[in-house]
Amino acid sequence: DRPTPGDGQVTVEVLAANINFPDALLCRGQY
């Protein structure tokens, strides 16, 4: 499902997502 915006948030359609090293650390549970 699409995430639901909370107070002060907006929905954004992703046009491009950059890969950062923290993304790998997040997957590993090391961030």
ModelCIF file with pLDDT and N, C-alpha, C, O atoms, coordinates in Angstrom:
data_MODEL
#
_entry.id   MODEL 
#
_entity.id                         1 
_entity.type                       polymer 
_entity.pdbx_number_of_molecules   1 
#
_entity_poly.entity_id                      1 
_entity_poly.type                           'polypeptide(L)' 
_entity_poly.nstd_linkage                   no 
_entity_poly.nstd_monomer                   no 
_entity_poly.pdbx_seq_one_letter_code       DRPTPGDGQVTVEVLAANINFPDALLCRGQY 
_entity_poly.pdbx_seq_one_letter_code_can   DRPTPGDGQVTVEVLAANINFPDALLCRGQY 
_entity_poly.pdbx_strand_id                 A 
#
loop_
_entity_poly_seq.entity_id 
_entity_poly_seq.num 
_entity_poly_seq.mon_id 
_entity_poly_seq.hetero 
1 1  ASP n 
1 2  ARG n 
1 3  PRO n 
1 4  THR n 
1 5  PRO n 
1 6  GLY n 
1 7  ASP n 
1 8  GLY n 
1 9  GLN n 
1 10 VAL n 
1 11 THR n 
1 12 VAL n 
1 13 GLU n 
1 14 VAL n 
1 15 LEU n 
1 16 ALA n 
1 17 ALA n 
1 18 ASN n 
1 19 ILE n 
1 20 ASN n 
1 21 PHE n 
1 22 PRO n 
1 23 ASP n 
1 24 ALA n 
1 25 LEU n 
1 26 LEU n 
1 27 CYS n 
1 28 ARG n 
1 29 GLY n 
1 30 GLN n 
1 31 TYR n 
#
_struct_asym.id          A 
_struct_asym.entity_id   1 
#
loop_
_ma_qa_metric.id 
_ma_qa_metric.mode 
_ma_qa_metric.name 
_ma_qa_metric.software_group_id 
_ma_qa_metric.type 
1 global pLDDT . pLDDT 
2 local  pLDDT . pLDDT 
#
_ma_qa_metric_global.metric_id      1 
_ma_qa_metric_global.metric_value   95.00 
_ma_qa_metric_global.model_id       1 
_ma_qa_metric_global.ordinal_id     1 
#
loop_
_ma_qa_metric_local.label_asym_id 
_ma_qa_metric_local.label_comp_id 
_ma_qa_metric_local.label_seq_id 
_ma_qa_metric_local.metric_id 
_ma_qa_metric_local.metric_value 
_ma_qa_metric_local.model_id 
_ma_qa_metric_local.ordinal_id 
A ASP 1  2 94.00 1 1  
A ARG 2  2 94.00 1 2  
A PRO 3  2 93.00 1 3  
A THR 4  2 93.00 1 4  
A PRO 5  2 94.00 1 5  
A GLY 6  2 93.00 1 6  
A ASP 7  2 95.00 1 7  
A GLY 8  2 94.00 1 8  
A GLN 9  2 95.00 1 9  
A VAL 10 2 96.00 1 10 
A THR 11 2 96.00 1 11 
A VAL 12 2 97.00 1 12 
A GLU 13 2 98.00 1 13 
A VAL 14 2 98.00 1 14 
A LEU 15 2 98.00 1 15 
A ALA 16 2 98.00 1 16 
A ALA 17 2 98.00 1 17 
A ASN 18 2 98.00 1 18 
A ILE 19 2 97.00 1 19 
A ASN 20 2 94.00 1 20 
A PHE 21 2 92.00 1 21 
A PRO 22 2 92.00 1 22 
A ASP 23 2 96.00 1 23 
A ALA 24 2 95.00 1 24 
A LEU 25 2 94.00 1 25 
A LEU 26 2 96.00 1 26 
A CYS 27 2 97.00 1 27 
A ARG 28 2 96.00 1 28 
A GLY 29 2 95.00 1 29 
A GLN 30 2 91.00 1 30 
A TYR 31 2 88.00 1 31 
#
loop_
_atom_site.group_PDB 
_atom_site.id 
_atom_site.type_symbol 
_atom_site.label_atom_id 
_atom_site.label_alt_id 
_atom_site.label_comp_id 
_atom_site.label_asym_id 
_atom_site.label_entity_id 
_atom_site.label_seq_id 
_atom_site.pdbx_PDB_ins_code 
_atom_site.Cartn_x 
_atom_site.Cartn_y 
_atom_site.Cartn_z 
_atom_site.occupancy 
_atom_site.B_iso_or_equiv 
_atom_site.pdbx_formal_charge 
_atom_site.auth_seq_id 
_atom_site.auth_comp_id 
_atom_site.auth_asym_id 
_atom_site.auth_atom_id 
_atom_site.pdbx_PDB_model_num 
ATOM 1   N N  . ASP A 1 1  ? 0.832  -1.200 0.000   1.00 94.00 ? 1  ASP A N  1 
ATOM 2   C CA . ASP A 1 1  ? 0.000  0.000  0.000   1.00 94.00 ? 1  ASP A CA 1 
ATOM 3   C C  . ASP A 1 1  ? 0.871  1.255  0.000   1.00 94.00 ? 1  ASP A C  1 
ATOM 4   O O  . ASP A 1 1  ? 2.002  1.246  0.485   1.00 94.00 ? 1  ASP A O  1 
ATOM 5   N N  . ARG A 1 2  ? 0.322  2.325  -0.551  1.00 94.00 ? 2  ARG A N  1 
ATOM 6   C CA . ARG A 1 2  ? 1.022  3.600  -0.457  1.00 94.00 ? 2  ARG A CA 1 
ATOM 7   C C  . ARG A 1 2  ? 1.093  4.034  1.012   1.00 94.00 ? 2  ARG A C  1 
ATOM 8   O O  . ARG A 1 2  ? 0.142  3.837  1.768   1.00 94.00 ? 2  ARG A O  1 
ATOM 9   N N  . PRO A 1 3  ? 2.224  4.624  1.408   1.00 93.00 ? 3  PRO A N  1 
ATOM 10  C CA . PRO A 1 3  ? 2.276  5.146  2.781   1.00 93.00 ? 3  PRO A CA 1 
ATOM 11  C C  . PRO A 1 3  ? 1.313  6.323  2.934   1.00 93.00 ? 3  PRO A C  1 
ATOM 12  O O  . PRO A 1 3  ? 1.073  7.072  1.988   1.00 93.00 ? 3  PRO A O  1 
ATOM 13  N N  . THR A 1 4  ? 0.775  6.468  4.121   1.00 93.00 ? 4  THR A N  1 
ATOM 14  C CA . THR A 1 4  ? -0.201 7.524  4.394   1.00 93.00 ? 4  THR A CA 1 
ATOM 15  C C  . THR A 1 4  ? 0.478  8.707  5.069   1.00 93.00 ? 4  THR A C  1 
ATOM 16  O O  . THR A 1 4  ? 1.120  8.533  6.105   1.00 93.00 ? 4  THR A O  1 
ATOM 17  N N  . PRO A 1 5  ? 0.352  9.906  4.509   1.00 94.00 ? 5  PRO A N  1 
ATOM 18  C CA . PRO A 1 5  ? 1.001  11.062 5.131   1.00 94.00 ? 5  PRO A CA 1 
ATOM 19  C C  . PRO A 1 5  ? 0.363  11.416 6.468   1.00 94.00 ? 5  PRO A C  1 
ATOM 20  O O  . PRO A 1 5  ? -0.856 11.343 6.628   1.00 94.00 ? 5  PRO A O  1 
ATOM 21  N N  . GLY A 1 6  ? 1.199  11.799 7.422   1.00 93.00 ? 6  GLY A N  1 
ATOM 22  C CA . GLY A 1 6  ? 0.715  12.275 8.706   1.00 93.00 ? 6  GLY A CA 1 
ATOM 23  C C  . GLY A 1 6  ? 0.635  13.791 8.708   1.00 93.00 ? 6  GLY A C  1 
ATOM 24  O O  . GLY A 1 6  ? 0.714  14.425 7.656   1.00 93.00 ? 6  GLY A O  1 
ATOM 25  N N  . ASP A 1 7  ? 0.480  14.360 9.874   1.00 95.00 ? 7  ASP A N  1 
ATOM 26  C CA . ASP A 1 7  ? 0.409  15.814 9.985   1.00 95.00 ? 7  ASP A CA 1 
ATOM 27  C C  . ASP A 1 7  ? 1.713  16.439 9.498   1.00 95.00 ? 7  ASP A C  1 
ATOM 28  O O  . ASP A 1 7  ? 2.800  16.027 9.904   1.00 95.00 ? 7  ASP A O  1 
ATOM 29  N N  . GLY A 1 8  ? 1.594  17.430 8.630   1.00 94.00 ? 8  GLY A N  1 
ATOM 30  C CA . GLY A 1 8  ? 2.769  18.121 8.120   1.00 94.00 ? 8  GLY A CA 1 
ATOM 31  C C  . GLY A 1 8  ? 3.523  17.363 7.056   1.00 94.00 ? 8  GLY A C  1 
ATOM 32  O O  . GLY A 1 8  ? 4.616  17.777 6.668   1.00 94.00 ? 8  GLY A O  1 
ATOM 33  N N  . GLN A 1 9  ? 2.965  16.247 6.563   1.00 95.00 ? 9  GLN A N  1 
ATOM 34  C CA . GLN A 1 9  ? 3.626  15.452 5.537   1.00 95.00 ? 9  GLN A CA 1 
ATOM 35  C C  . GLN A 1 9  ? 2.842  15.496 4.233   1.00 95.00 ? 9  GLN A C  1 
ATOM 36  O O  . GLN A 1 9  ? 1.656  15.824 4.214   1.00 95.00 ? 9  GLN A O  1 
ATOM 37  N N  . VAL A 1 10 ? 3.531  15.159 3.139   1.00 96.00 ? 10 VAL A N  1 
ATOM 38  C CA . VAL A 1 10 ? 2.907  15.117 1.819   1.00 96.00 ? 10 VAL A CA 1 
ATOM 39  C C  . VAL A 1 10 ? 3.316  13.832 1.112   1.00 96.00 ? 10 VAL A C  1 
ATOM 40  O O  . VAL A 1 10 ? 4.352  13.243 1.419   1.00 96.00 ? 10 VAL A O  1 
ATOM 41  N N  . THR A 1 11 ? 2.494  13.406 0.166   1.00 96.00 ? 11 THR A N  1 
ATOM 42  C CA . THR A 1 11 ? 2.827  12.266 -0.684  1.00 96.00 ? 11 THR A CA 1 
ATOM 43  C C  . THR A 1 11 ? 3.647  12.751 -1.870  1.00 96.00 ? 11 THR A C  1 
ATOM 44  O O  . THR A 1 11 ? 3.327  13.768 -2.486  1.00 96.00 ? 11 THR A O  1 
ATOM 45  N N  . VAL A 1 12 ? 4.705  12.015 -2.183  1.00 97.00 ? 12 VAL A N  1 
ATOM 46  C CA . VAL A 1 12 ? 5.596  12.389 -3.279  1.00 97.00 ? 12 VAL A CA 1 
ATOM 47  C C  . VAL A 1 12 ? 5.779  11.193 -4.204  1.00 97.00 ? 12 VAL A C  1 
ATOM 48  O O  . VAL A 1 12 ? 6.119  10.100 -3.752  1.00 97.00 ? 12 VAL A O  1 
ATOM 49  N N  . GLU A 1 13 ? 5.555  11.399 -5.489  1.00 98.00 ? 13 GLU A N  1 
ATOM 50  C CA . GLU A 1 13 ? 5.840  10.365 -6.491  1.00 98.00 ? 13 GLU A CA 1 
ATOM 51  C C  . GLU A 1 13 ? 7.341  10.353 -6.742  1.00 98.00 ? 13 GLU A C  1 
ATOM 52  O O  . GLU A 1 13 ? 7.938  11.404 -6.976  1.00 98.00 ? 13 GLU A O  1 
ATOM 53  N N  . VAL A 1 14 ? 7.956  9.176  -6.697  1.00 98.00 ? 14 VAL A N  1 
ATOM 54  C CA . VAL A 1 14 ? 9.402  9.068  -6.861  1.00 98.00 ? 14 VAL A CA 1 
ATOM 55  C C  . VAL A 1 14 ? 9.768  9.112  -8.347  1.00 98.00 ? 14 VAL A C  1 
ATOM 56  O O  . VAL A 1 14 ? 9.333  8.269  -9.130  1.00 98.00 ? 14 VAL A O  1 
ATOM 57  N N  . LEU A 1 15 ? 10.571 10.107 -8.718  1.00 98.00 ? 15 LEU A N  1 
ATOM 58  C CA . LEU A 1 15 ? 11.086 10.216 -10.080 1.00 98.00 ? 15 LEU A CA 1 
ATOM 59  C C  . LEU A 1 15 ? 12.468 9.592  -10.204 1.00 98.00 ? 15 LEU A C  1 
ATOM 60  O O  . LEU A 1 15 ? 12.837 9.101  -11.271 1.00 98.00 ? 15 LEU A O  1 
ATOM 61  N N  . ALA A 1 16 ? 13.233 9.609  -9.116  1.00 98.00 ? 16 ALA A N  1 
ATOM 62  C CA . ALA A 1 16 ? 14.572 9.009  -9.082  1.00 98.00 ? 16 ALA A CA 1 
ATOM 63  C C  . ALA A 1 16 ? 14.977 8.879  -7.628  1.00 98.00 ? 16 ALA A C  1 
ATOM 64  O O  . ALA A 1 16 ? 14.720 9.774  -6.824  1.00 98.00 ? 16 ALA A O  1 
ATOM 65  N N  . ALA A 1 17 ? 15.616 7.754  -7.286  1.00 98.00 ? 17 ALA A N  1 
ATOM 66  C CA . ALA A 1 17 ? 16.078 7.511  -5.920  1.00 98.00 ? 17 ALA A CA 1 
ATOM 67  C C  . ALA A 1 17 ? 17.561 7.209  -5.948  1.00 98.00 ? 17 ALA A C  1 
ATOM 68  O O  . ALA A 1 17 ? 17.991 6.245  -6.583  1.00 98.00 ? 17 ALA A O  1 
ATOM 69  N N  . ASN A 1 18 ? 18.346 8.028  -5.263  1.00 98.00 ? 18 ASN A N  1 
ATOM 70  C CA . ASN A 1 18 ? 19.790 7.827  -5.236  1.00 98.00 ? 18 ASN A CA 1 
ATOM 71  C C  . ASN A 1 18 ? 20.156 6.759  -4.211  1.00 98.00 ? 18 ASN A C  1 
ATOM 72  O O  . ASN A 1 18 ? 19.550 6.678  -3.142  1.00 98.00 ? 18 ASN A O  1 
ATOM 73  N N  . ILE A 1 19 ? 21.157 5.938  -4.546  1.00 97.00 ? 19 ILE A N  1 
ATOM 74  C CA . ILE A 1 19 ? 21.638 4.916  -3.610  1.00 97.00 ? 19 ILE A CA 1 
ATOM 75  C C  . ILE A 1 19 ? 22.795 5.494  -2.812  1.00 97.00 ? 19 ILE A C  1 
ATOM 76  O O  . ILE A 1 19 ? 23.758 6.005  -3.383  1.00 97.00 ? 19 ILE A O  1 
ATOM 77  N N  . ASN A 1 20 ? 22.700 5.413  -1.506  1.00 94.00 ? 20 ASN A N  1 
ATOM 78  C CA . ASN A 1 20 ? 23.746 5.850  -0.589  1.00 94.00 ? 20 ASN A CA 1 
ATOM 79  C C  . ASN A 1 20 ? 24.280 4.655  0.186   1.00 94.00 ? 20 ASN A C  1 
ATOM 80  O O  . ASN A 1 20 ? 23.585 3.652  0.347   1.00 94.00 ? 20 ASN A O  1 
ATOM 81  N N  . PHE A 1 21 ? 25.517 4.764  0.664   1.00 92.00 ? 21 PHE A N  1 
ATOM 82  C CA . PHE A 1 21 ? 26.079 3.686  1.475   1.00 92.00 ? 21 PHE A CA 1 
ATOM 83  C C  . PHE A 1 21 ? 25.218 3.382  2.708   1.00 92.00 ? 21 PHE A C  1 
ATOM 84  O O  . PHE A 1 21 ? 25.108 2.215  3.084   1.00 92.00 ? 21 PHE A O  1 
ATOM 85  N N  . PRO A 1 22 ? 24.599 4.392  3.357   1.00 92.00 ? 22 PRO A N  1 
ATOM 86  C CA . PRO A 1 22 ? 23.706 4.067  4.467   1.00 92.00 ? 22 PRO A CA 1 
ATOM 87  C C  . PRO A 1 22 ? 22.564 3.120  4.107   1.00 92.00 ? 22 PRO A C  1 
ATOM 88  O O  . PRO A 1 22 ? 22.043 2.425  4.979   1.00 92.00 ? 22 PRO A O  1 
ATOM 89  N N  . ASP A 1 23 ? 22.168 3.084  2.832   1.00 96.00 ? 23 ASP A N  1 
ATOM 90  C CA . ASP A 1 23 ? 21.133 2.127  2.436   1.00 96.00 ? 23 ASP A CA 1 
ATOM 91  C C  . ASP A 1 23 ? 21.617 0.691  2.641   1.00 96.00 ? 23 ASP A C  1 
ATOM 92  O O  . ASP A 1 23 ? 20.854 -0.175 3.069   1.00 96.00 ? 23 ASP A O  1 
ATOM 93  N N  . ALA A 1 24 ? 22.887 0.450  2.332   1.00 95.00 ? 24 ALA A N  1 
ATOM 94  C CA . ALA A 1 24 ? 23.464 -0.874 2.573   1.00 95.00 ? 24 ALA A CA 1 
ATOM 95  C C  . ALA A 1 24 ? 23.541 -1.161 4.064   1.00 95.00 ? 24 ALA A C  1 
ATOM 96  O O  . ALA A 1 24 ? 23.248 -2.271 4.508   1.00 95.00 ? 24 ALA A O  1 
ATOM 97  N N  . LEU A 1 25 ? 23.943 -0.140 4.842   1.00 94.00 ? 25 LEU A N  1 
ATOM 98  C CA . LEU A 1 25 ? 24.028 -0.332 6.288   1.00 94.00 ? 25 LEU A CA 1 
ATOM 99  C C  . LEU A 1 25 ? 22.651 -0.581 6.898   1.00 94.00 ? 25 LEU A C  1 
ATOM 100 O O  . LEU A 1 25 ? 22.523 -1.364 7.840   1.00 94.00 ? 25 LEU A O  1 
ATOM 101 N N  . LEU A 1 26 ? 21.623 0.078  6.367   1.00 96.00 ? 26 LEU A N  1 
ATOM 102 C CA . LEU A 1 26 ? 20.260 -0.162 6.839   1.00 96.00 ? 26 LEU A CA 1 
ATOM 103 C C  . LEU A 1 26 ? 19.870 -1.620 6.604   1.00 96.00 ? 26 LEU A C  1 
ATOM 104 O O  . LEU A 1 26 ? 19.292 -2.266 7.478   1.00 96.00 ? 26 LEU A O  1 
ATOM 105 N N  . CYS A 1 27 ? 20.194 -2.132 5.412   1.00 97.00 ? 27 CYS A N  1 
ATOM 106 C CA . CYS A 1 27 ? 19.878 -3.533 5.115   1.00 97.00 ? 27 CYS A CA 1 
ATOM 107 C C  . CYS A 1 27 ? 20.596 -4.468 6.086   1.00 97.00 ? 27 CYS A C  1 
ATOM 108 O O  . CYS A 1 27 ? 20.033 -5.469 6.526   1.00 97.00 ? 27 CYS A O  1 
ATOM 109 N N  . ARG A 1 28 ? 21.830 -4.136 6.411   1.00 96.00 ? 28 ARG A N  1 
ATOM 110 C CA . ARG A 1 28 ? 22.626 -4.982 7.297   1.00 96.00 ? 28 ARG A CA 1 
ATOM 111 C C  . ARG A 1 28 ? 22.264 -4.795 8.770   1.00 96.00 ? 28 ARG A C  1 
ATOM 112 O O  . ARG A 1 28 ? 22.710 -5.571 9.615   1.00 96.00 ? 28 ARG A O  1 
ATOM 113 N N  . GLY A 1 29 ? 21.470 -3.790 9.086   1.00 95.00 ? 29 GLY A N  1 
ATOM 114 C CA . GLY A 1 29 ? 21.157 -3.503 10.482  1.00 95.00 ? 29 GLY A CA 1 
ATOM 115 C C  . GLY A 1 29 ? 22.302 -2.843 11.207  1.00 95.00 ? 29 GLY A C  1 
ATOM 116 O O  . GLY A 1 29 ? 22.404 -2.948 12.429  1.00 95.00 ? 29 GLY A O  1 
ATOM 117 N N  . GLN A 1 30 ? 23.182 -2.153 10.464  1.00 91.00 ? 30 GLN A N  1 
ATOM 118 C CA . GLN A 1 30 ? 24.381 -1.560 11.044  1.00 91.00 ? 30 GLN A CA 1 
ATOM 119 C C  . GLN A 1 30 ? 24.350 -0.038 11.059  1.00 91.00 ? 30 GLN A C  1 
ATOM 120 O O  . GLN A 1 30 ? 25.324 0.595  11.465  1.00 91.00 ? 30 GLN A O  1 
ATOM 121 N N  . TYR A 1 31 ? 23.242 0.557  10.622  1.00 88.00 ? 31 TYR A N  1 
ATOM 122 C CA . TYR A 1 31 ? 23.163 2.015  10.604  1.00 88.00 ? 31 TYR A CA 1 
ATOM 123 C C  . TYR A 1 31 ? 22.729 2.518  11.978  1.00 88.00 ? 31 TYR A C  1 
ATOM 124 O O  . TYR A 1 31 ? 22.599 3.725  12.181  1.00 88.00 ? 31 TYR A O  1 
#
